Amino acid sequence: MAKQRGLAQIFNLNYFSSDLILKNLPFVLFLGFLGLVYIANAHYAERNVRQIQLLQKEVKELRWYYMSLESEIMFNSKRSEMIEKVKPVGLRPLSSKPKKIVVSE
C-alpha cells in the first residue's frame, strides 16, 4: 500500500509545486542552452561540409582546365607546329648548323 501511495504522490500534480519548479529552473535553462548550442553546432558543421564540397568541385574543374591548357601548350610548342605557324611570315627552319660568333678583346 505504501508503494501505491508513493506512486500516487509522484503522479499527483501537487507534487510538482512551484517551489520544485523554481528550484530546478536554472538547470532546465542550462539544458535548454546546451540544446541550442548543439543545434547551432550541427547547422554550422553542415554548412562547412557543403562549402567544402563546393570547393572540391571547383578545384577539380580548375585542375581539368589546367591540364587541358597544359596539353594545348605542349602541342603548340612542338617544332612542326611552330614551323607551320611562322610560314605565313616568311620564316623557315635552318638547313645548316647555326654559326658561332666569337668576340675577342
C-alpha atoms as a PDB file:
ATOM      1  CA  MET A   1       0.000   0.000   0.000  1.00  0.00           C
ATOM      2  CA  ALA A   2       2.914   2.311   0.713  1.00  0.00           C
ATOM      3  CA  LYS A   3       4.189   1.888  -2.817  1.00  0.00           C
ATOM      4  CA  GLN A   4       0.851   2.915  -4.260  1.00  0.00           C
ATOM      5  CA  ARG A   5       0.754   5.979  -2.073  1.00  0.00           C
ATOM      6  CA  GLY A   6       4.306   6.939  -3.192  1.00  0.00           C
ATOM      7  CA  LEU A   7       3.389   6.313  -6.801  1.00  0.00           C
ATOM      8  CA  ALA A   8       0.226   8.324  -6.431  1.00  0.00           C
ATOM      9  CA  GLN A   9       2.226  11.187  -4.954  1.00  0.00           C
ATOM     10  CA  ILE A  10       4.570  11.223  -7.965  1.00  0.00           C
ATOM     11  CA  PHE A  11       1.701  11.442 -10.457  1.00  0.00           C
ATOM     12  CA  ASN A  12      -0.169  13.964  -8.319  1.00  0.00           C
ATOM     13  CA  LEU A  13       0.116  17.496  -9.764  1.00  0.00           C
ATOM     14  CA  ASN A  14       0.546  18.911  -6.299  1.00  0.00           C
ATOM     15  CA  TYR A  15       3.907  17.140  -6.147  1.00  0.00           C
ATOM     16  CA  PHE A  16       5.188  19.445  -8.855  1.00  0.00           C
ATOM     17  CA  SER A  17       4.714  22.564  -6.851  1.00  0.00           C
ATOM     18  CA  SER A  18       6.044  25.929  -7.823  1.00  0.00           C
ATOM     19  CA  ASP A  19       8.883  25.546  -5.313  1.00  0.00           C
ATOM     20  CA  LEU A  20      10.219  22.451  -7.079  1.00  0.00           C
ATOM     21  CA  ILE A  21       9.954  24.076 -10.499  1.00  0.00           C
ATOM     22  CA  LEU A  22      11.618  27.288  -9.377  1.00  0.00           C
ATOM     23  CA  LYS A  23      14.367  25.346  -7.619  1.00  0.00           C
ATOM     24  CA  ASN A  24      15.242  23.443 -10.808  1.00  0.00           C
ATOM     25  CA  LEU A  25      14.682  26.321 -13.243  1.00  0.00           C
ATOM     26  CA  PRO A  26      18.407  27.187 -13.642  1.00  0.00           C
ATOM     27  CA  PHE A  27      19.173  23.567 -14.529  1.00  0.00           C
ATOM     28  CA  VAL A  28      16.340  23.448 -17.067  1.00  0.00           C
ATOM     29  CA  LEU A  29      17.550  26.714 -18.616  1.00  0.00           C
ATOM     30  CA  PHE A  30      21.086  25.310 -18.749  1.00  0.00           C
ATOM     31  CA  LEU A  31      19.801  22.194 -20.547  1.00  0.00           C
ATOM     32  CA  GLY A  32      17.904  24.404 -22.988  1.00  0.00           C
ATOM     33  CA  PHE A  33      21.050  26.436 -23.642  1.00  0.00           C
ATOM     34  CA  LEU A  34      23.031  23.263 -24.268  1.00  0.00           C
ATOM     35  CA  GLY A  35      20.335  22.105 -26.694  1.00  0.00           C
ATOM     36  CA  LEU A  36      20.555  25.389 -28.608  1.00  0.00           C
ATOM     37  CA  VAL A  37      24.352  25.156 -28.766  1.00  0.00           C
ATOM     38  CA  TYR A  38      24.087  21.573 -30.028  1.00  0.00           C
ATOM     39  CA  ILE A  39      21.637  22.547 -32.788  1.00  0.00           C
ATOM     40  CA  ALA A  40      23.712  25.581 -33.812  1.00  0.00           C
ATOM     41  CA  ASN A  41      26.850  23.431 -33.950  1.00  0.00           C
ATOM     42  CA  ALA A  42      25.111  20.888 -36.194  1.00  0.00           C
ATOM     43  CA  HIS A  43      23.975  23.643 -38.597  1.00  0.00           C
ATOM     44  CA  TYR A  44      27.473  25.147 -38.645  1.00  0.00           C
ATOM     45  CA  ALA A  45      29.033  21.746 -39.413  1.00  0.00           C
ATOM     46  CA  GLU A  46      26.552  21.080 -42.244  1.00  0.00           C
ATOM     47  CA  ARG A  47      27.266  24.478 -43.772  1.00  0.00           C
ATOM     48  CA  ASN A  48      31.013  23.790 -43.632  1.00  0.00           C
ATOM     49  CA  VAL A  49      30.560  20.380 -45.271  1.00  0.00           C
ATOM     50  CA  ARG A  50      28.539  21.934 -48.116  1.00  0.00           C
ATOM     51  CA  GLN A  51      31.160  24.633 -48.600  1.00  0.00           C
ATOM     52  CA  ILE A  52      33.985  22.063 -48.650  1.00  0.00           C
ATOM     53  CA  GLN A  53      32.135  20.028 -51.287  1.00  0.00           C
ATOM     54  CA  LEU A  54      31.658  23.106 -53.476  1.00  0.00           C
ATOM     55  CA  LEU A  55      35.346  23.999 -53.167  1.00  0.00           C
ATOM     56  CA  GLN A  56      36.413  20.435 -54.014  1.00  0.00           C
ATOM     57  CA  LYS A  57      34.238  20.535 -57.138  1.00  0.00           C
ATOM     58  CA  GLU A  58      35.743  23.887 -58.132  1.00  0.00           C
ATOM     59  CA  VAL A  59      39.298  22.601 -57.604  1.00  0.00           C
ATOM     60  CA  LYS A  60      38.541  19.564 -59.764  1.00  0.00           C
ATOM     61  CA  GLU A  61      37.192  21.757 -62.572  1.00  0.00           C
ATOM     62  CA  LEU A  62      40.188  24.083 -62.373  1.00  0.00           C
ATOM     63  CA  ARG A  63      42.529  21.096 -62.467  1.00  0.00           C
ATOM     64  CA  TRP A  64      40.830  19.870 -65.672  1.00  0.00           C
ATOM     65  CA  TYR A  65      41.149  23.340 -67.168  1.00  0.00           C
ATOM     66  CA  TYR A  66      44.862  23.494 -66.214  1.00  0.00           C
ATOM     67  CA  MET A  67      45.556  20.082 -67.743  1.00  0.00           C
ATOM     68  CA  SER A  68      43.796  20.980 -70.998  1.00  0.00           C
ATOM     69  CA  LEU A  69      45.742  24.234 -71.258  1.00  0.00           C
ATOM     70  CA  GLU A  70      48.993  22.451 -70.495  1.00  0.00           C
ATOM     71  CA  SER A  71      48.417  19.837 -73.203  1.00  0.00           C
ATOM     72  CA  GLU A  72      47.458  22.549 -75.689  1.00  0.00           C
ATOM     73  CA  ILE A  73      50.661  24.487 -74.939  1.00  0.00           C
ATOM     74  CA  MET A  74      52.750  21.342 -75.245  1.00  0.00           C
ATOM     75  CA  PHE A  75      51.173  20.597 -78.633  1.00  0.00           C
ATOM     76  CA  ASN A  76      51.598  24.161 -79.921  1.00  0.00           C
ATOM     77  CA  SER A  77      55.251  24.324 -78.855  1.00  0.00           C
ATOM     78  CA  LYS A  78      56.281  21.312 -80.976  1.00  0.00           C
ATOM     79  CA  ARG A  79      58.744  22.108 -83.727  1.00  0.00           C
ATOM     80  CA  SER A  80      56.405  21.025 -86.517  1.00  0.00           C
ATOM     81  CA  GLU A  81      53.606  23.258 -85.192  1.00  0.00           C
ATOM     82  CA  MET A  82      55.957  26.218 -84.859  1.00  0.00           C
ATOM     83  CA  ILE A  83      57.118  25.773 -88.460  1.00  0.00           C
ATOM     84  CA  GLU A  84      53.501  25.824 -89.670  1.00  0.00           C
ATOM     85  CA  LYS A  85      52.726  28.964 -87.657  1.00  0.00           C
ATOM     86  CA  VAL A  86      55.710  31.019 -88.896  1.00  0.00           C
ATOM     87  CA  LYS A  87      55.421  30.018 -92.598  1.00  0.00           C
ATOM     88  CA  PRO A  88      52.994  32.876 -93.442  1.00  0.00           C
ATOM     89  CA  VAL A  89      55.506  35.382 -92.026  1.00  0.00           C
ATOM     90  CA  GLY A  90      58.230  34.073 -94.308  1.00  0.00           C
ATOM     91  CA  LEU A  91      60.382  32.342 -91.728  1.00  0.00           C
ATOM     92  CA  ARG A  92      61.702  28.860 -92.337  1.00  0.00           C
ATOM     93  CA  PRO A  93      63.851  26.459 -90.317  1.00  0.00           C
ATOM     94  CA  LEU A  94      67.620  26.495 -90.724  1.00  0.00           C
ATOM     95  CA  SER A  95      69.040  23.952 -93.140  1.00  0.00           C
ATOM     96  CA  SER A  96      72.584  24.336 -91.814  1.00  0.00           C
ATOM     97  CA  LYS A  97      74.109  24.474 -88.360  1.00  0.00           C
ATOM     98  CA  PRO A  98      73.992  27.788 -86.581  1.00  0.00           C
ATOM     99  CA  LYS A  99      77.211  29.840 -86.803  1.00  0.00           C
ATOM    100  CA  LYS A 100      79.111  30.666 -83.649  1.00  0.00           C
ATOM    101  CA  ILE A 101      80.210  34.260 -83.166  1.00  0.00           C
ATOM    102  CA  VAL A 102      83.436  34.720 -81.203  1.00  0.00           C
ATOM    103  CA  VAL A 103      84.304  38.135 -79.856  1.00  0.00           C
ATOM    104  CA  SER A 104      87.921  38.710 -78.927  1.00  0.00           C
ATOM    105  CA  GLU A 105      89.088  41.668 -76.957  1.00  0.00           C
END
